[in-house]
């Protein structure tokens, strides 16, 4: 059986803050933790509090221990970023930014402006960054205030007569016939 856990004696300002928090707080986690602390300060045991507030006794003990060590800071919820750890390191970001600032023609590319996809493809091919999605490239560049304009490829076509059509010779204007005026 776990030893009995009790909150330390509350200071007057802590008691007032806990009661006020329970009345007007919008953070449900803070309210529930305040209830645990107040119940423990009134002499209730961890199993009694857990049964009344629908928590596990271990959670109640954890909240009480944390309050005893850190005070009212226990009320704030500690949110952690979820998901997998970041794979893009700061040196990868700086490599990507450096490539984005370099004109594509200097890197041997056939276009004049970077698109997000082209930038990503070249960076991954040259192993400047690991596999990366276009949205991450956009976010990195946005954080560094670098704006890439969409590449427009209207100058290219698969039409075999494209060159001739692109720069057509000036057509001769048909002559107007003069009509006799009366």
Protein backbone atom coordinates (compact mmCIF):
# COMPACT_ATOMS: atom_id res chain seq x y z
CA UNK A 1 0.00 0.00 0.00
CA UNK A 2 1.29 3.46 -0.91
CA UNK A 3 2.11 5.83 1.95
CA UNK A 4 -0.42 8.53 2.79
CA UNK A 5 0.21 11.71 0.82
CA UNK A 6 -0.96 15.07 2.09
CA UNK A 7 -0.47 18.61 0.80
CA UNK A 8 1.66 20.92 2.84
CA UNK A 9 -0.25 23.58 4.74
CA UNK A 10 -1.63 26.16 2.36
CA UNK A 11 -0.56 29.77 2.60
CA UNK A 12 -3.48 32.23 2.76
CA UNK A 13 -2.89 33.60 -0.75
CA UNK A 14 -2.70 30.05 -2.16
CA UNK A 15 -6.03 29.06 -0.64
CA UNK A 16 -7.72 32.20 -2.00
CA UNK A 17 -6.23 31.65 -5.43
CA UNK A 18 -7.35 28.01 -5.53
CA UNK A 19 -10.92 28.89 -4.56
CA UNK A 20 -11.05 31.78 -7.05
CA UNK A 21 -9.63 29.53 -9.76
CA UNK A 22 -12.32 26.92 -9.20
CA UNK A 23 -15.05 29.56 -9.57
CA UNK A 24 -13.90 31.35 -12.69
CA UNK A 25 -11.21 29.36 -14.50
CA UNK A 26 -11.66 28.39 -18.12
CA UNK A 27 -8.89 25.80 -17.97
CA UNK A 28 -10.56 22.54 -16.93
CA UNK A 29 -7.23 20.90 -16.06
CA UNK A 30 -6.34 23.70 -13.66
CA UNK A 31 -9.77 23.49 -12.00
CA UNK A 32 -9.53 19.73 -11.50
CA UNK A 33 -6.01 20.01 -10.06
CA UNK A 34 -7.17 22.77 -7.71
CA UNK A 35 -9.97 20.48 -6.50
CA UNK A 36 -7.40 17.76 -5.77
CA UNK A 37 -5.17 20.14 -3.81
CA UNK A 38 -8.03 21.62 -1.78
CA UNK A 39 -9.45 18.18 -0.97
CA UNK A 40 -6.03 16.99 0.15
CA UNK A 41 -5.56 20.13 2.27
CA UNK A 42 -8.85 19.33 4.00
CA UNK A 43 -7.47 15.93 5.05
CA UNK A 44 -8.91 13.58 2.43
CA UNK A 45 -6.70 10.67 1.36
CA UNK A 46 -5.62 10.04 -2.23
CA UNK A 47 -8.01 7.08 -2.72
CA UNK A 48 -10.94 9.12 -1.38
CA UNK A 49 -10.15 12.05 -3.67
CA UNK A 50 -9.64 9.72 -6.63
CA UNK A 51 -13.00 8.04 -6.06
CA UNK A 52 -14.87 11.33 -5.68
CA UNK A 53 -13.24 13.10 -8.67
CA UNK A 54 -12.87 10.03 -10.94
CA UNK A 55 -9.08 9.98 -11.07
CA UNK A 56 -6.61 7.25 -10.23
CA UNK A 57 -4.99 7.43 -6.79
CA UNK A 58 -1.58 7.57 -8.45
CA UNK A 59 -2.56 10.70 -10.40
CA UNK A 60 -3.84 12.35 -7.22
CA UNK A 61 -0.55 11.54 -5.45
CA UNK A 62 1.42 12.93 -8.39
CA UNK A 63 -0.51 16.23 -8.33
CA UNK A 64 -0.08 16.54 -4.55
CA UNK A 65 3.66 15.79 -4.71
CA UNK A 66 4.14 18.29 -7.51
CA UNK A 67 2.19 20.95 -5.60
CA UNK A 68 4.31 20.35 -2.50
CA UNK A 69 7.49 20.82 -4.55
CA UNK A 70 6.52 23.59 -7.00
CA UNK A 71 3.52 25.35 -5.51
CA UNK A 72 0.75 26.77 -7.69
CA UNK A 73 2.77 26.09 -10.85
CA UNK A 74 1.27 22.60 -10.84
CA UNK A 75 -2.06 24.05 -11.93
CA UNK A 76 -0.89 24.94 -15.41
CA UNK A 77 -1.07 22.10 -17.88
CA UNK A 78 2.22 21.14 -19.45
CA UNK A 79 1.65 20.56 -23.13
CA UNK A 80 4.32 18.88 -25.19
CA UNK A 81 4.60 18.78 -28.93
CA UNK A 82 3.37 15.43 -30.11
CA UNK A 83 4.42 13.41 -33.06
CA UNK A 84 7.74 12.16 -34.28
CA UNK A 85 10.94 14.04 -33.49
CA UNK A 86 12.10 16.65 -35.96
CA UNK A 87 14.22 15.26 -38.78
CA UNK A 88 15.17 18.60 -40.29
CA UNK A 89 18.10 19.98 -38.33
CA UNK A 90 19.20 23.64 -38.29
CA UNK A 91 22.08 22.88 -40.68
CA UNK A 92 19.58 21.34 -43.12
CA UNK A 93 17.48 24.50 -42.92
CA UNK A 94 20.49 26.72 -43.58
CA UNK A 95 21.51 24.53 -46.56
CA UNK A 96 18.00 24.85 -47.98
CA UNK A 97 17.95 28.62 -47.48
CA UNK A 98 21.37 28.99 -49.11
CA UNK A 99 20.18 26.99 -52.12
CA UNK A 100 16.99 29.08 -52.33
CA UNK A 101 19.07 32.27 -52.41
CA UNK A 102 21.23 30.93 -55.26
CA UNK A 103 19.90 31.52 -58.80
CA UNK A 104 18.92 28.16 -60.32
CA UNK A 105 21.06 28.75 -63.42
CA UNK A 106 24.19 28.83 -61.22
CA UNK A 107 23.33 25.37 -59.96
CA UNK A 108 22.93 24.00 -63.48
CA UNK A 109 19.15 24.08 -63.59
CA UNK A 110 17.32 25.08 -66.79
CA UNK A 111 14.97 27.60 -65.17
CA UNK A 112 15.34 31.14 -63.90
CA UNK A 113 13.31 31.03 -60.66
CA UNK A 114 12.91 28.38 -57.99
CA UNK A 115 9.59 26.73 -57.38
CA UNK A 116 9.04 24.94 -54.08
CA UNK A 117 9.02 21.55 -55.78
CA UNK A 118 12.15 22.22 -57.82
CA UNK A 119 13.96 23.55 -54.75
CA UNK A 120 12.97 20.49 -52.76
CA UNK A 121 13.97 18.09 -55.54
CA UNK A 122 17.41 19.66 -56.02
CA UNK A 123 18.06 19.85 -52.26
CA UNK A 124 17.17 16.18 -51.77
CA UNK A 125 19.11 15.06 -54.88
CA UNK A 126 22.23 16.88 -53.63
CA UNK A 127 21.67 15.47 -50.12
CA UNK A 128 21.49 18.94 -48.58
CA UNK A 129 18.39 17.83 -46.68
CA UNK A 130 16.80 14.45 -45.96
CA UNK A 131 13.48 13.53 -47.51
CA UNK A 132 11.27 16.57 -46.99
CA UNK A 133 7.78 17.61 -48.04
CA UNK A 134 6.99 20.78 -49.96
CA UNK A 135 5.00 22.20 -47.05
CA UNK A 136 8.04 21.96 -44.77
CA UNK A 137 10.14 23.75 -47.41
CA UNK A 138 7.50 26.48 -47.57
CA UNK A 139 7.44 26.85 -43.78
CA UNK A 140 11.23 27.06 -43.52
CA UNK A 141 11.39 29.74 -46.20
CA UNK A 142 8.47 31.64 -44.67
CA UNK A 143 10.19 31.67 -41.28
CA UNK A 144 13.26 33.21 -42.95
CA UNK A 145 11.06 35.64 -44.93
CA UNK A 146 12.07 34.24 -48.30
CA UNK A 147 9.38 34.36 -50.96
CA UNK A 148 9.46 32.17 -54.03
CA UNK A 149 7.23 33.08 -56.92
CA UNK A 150 5.51 30.39 -58.90
CA UNK A 151 7.53 29.42 -61.97
CA UNK A 152 5.60 30.12 -65.13
CA UNK A 153 6.46 27.90 -68.06
CA UNK A 154 4.46 29.60 -70.77
CA UNK A 155 7.60 29.90 -72.90
CA UNK A 156 7.83 26.15 -73.32
CA UNK A 157 5.59 23.89 -75.35
CA UNK A 158 5.54 20.42 -76.90
CA UNK A 159 4.19 21.86 -80.14
CA UNK A 160 6.72 21.25 -82.94
CA UNK A 161 5.83 24.62 -84.51
CA UNK A 162 6.17 26.48 -81.18
CA UNK A 163 9.26 28.48 -82.15
CA UNK A 164 7.65 29.67 -85.38
CA UNK A 165 4.39 30.54 -83.61
CA UNK A 166 6.15 32.25 -80.71
CA UNK A 167 7.73 34.87 -82.93
CA UNK A 168 5.45 35.14 -85.93
CA UNK A 169 6.43 37.42 -88.74
CA UNK A 170 4.25 40.47 -89.13
CA UNK A 171 1.43 39.64 -91.49
CA UNK A 172 0.97 41.98 -94.36
CA UNK A 173 -2.09 44.12 -94.04
CA UNK A 174 -4.62 43.77 -96.88
CA UNK A 175 -5.01 46.96 -98.81
CA UNK A 176 -8.30 48.70 -98.68
CA UNK A 177 -10.00 49.41 -101.89
CA UNK A 178 -10.85 52.93 -102.55
CA UNK A 179 -14.32 53.52 -103.55
CA UNK A 180 -15.32 56.43 -105.66
CA UNK A 181 -17.10 59.09 -103.73
CA UNK A 182 -19.96 60.74 -105.36
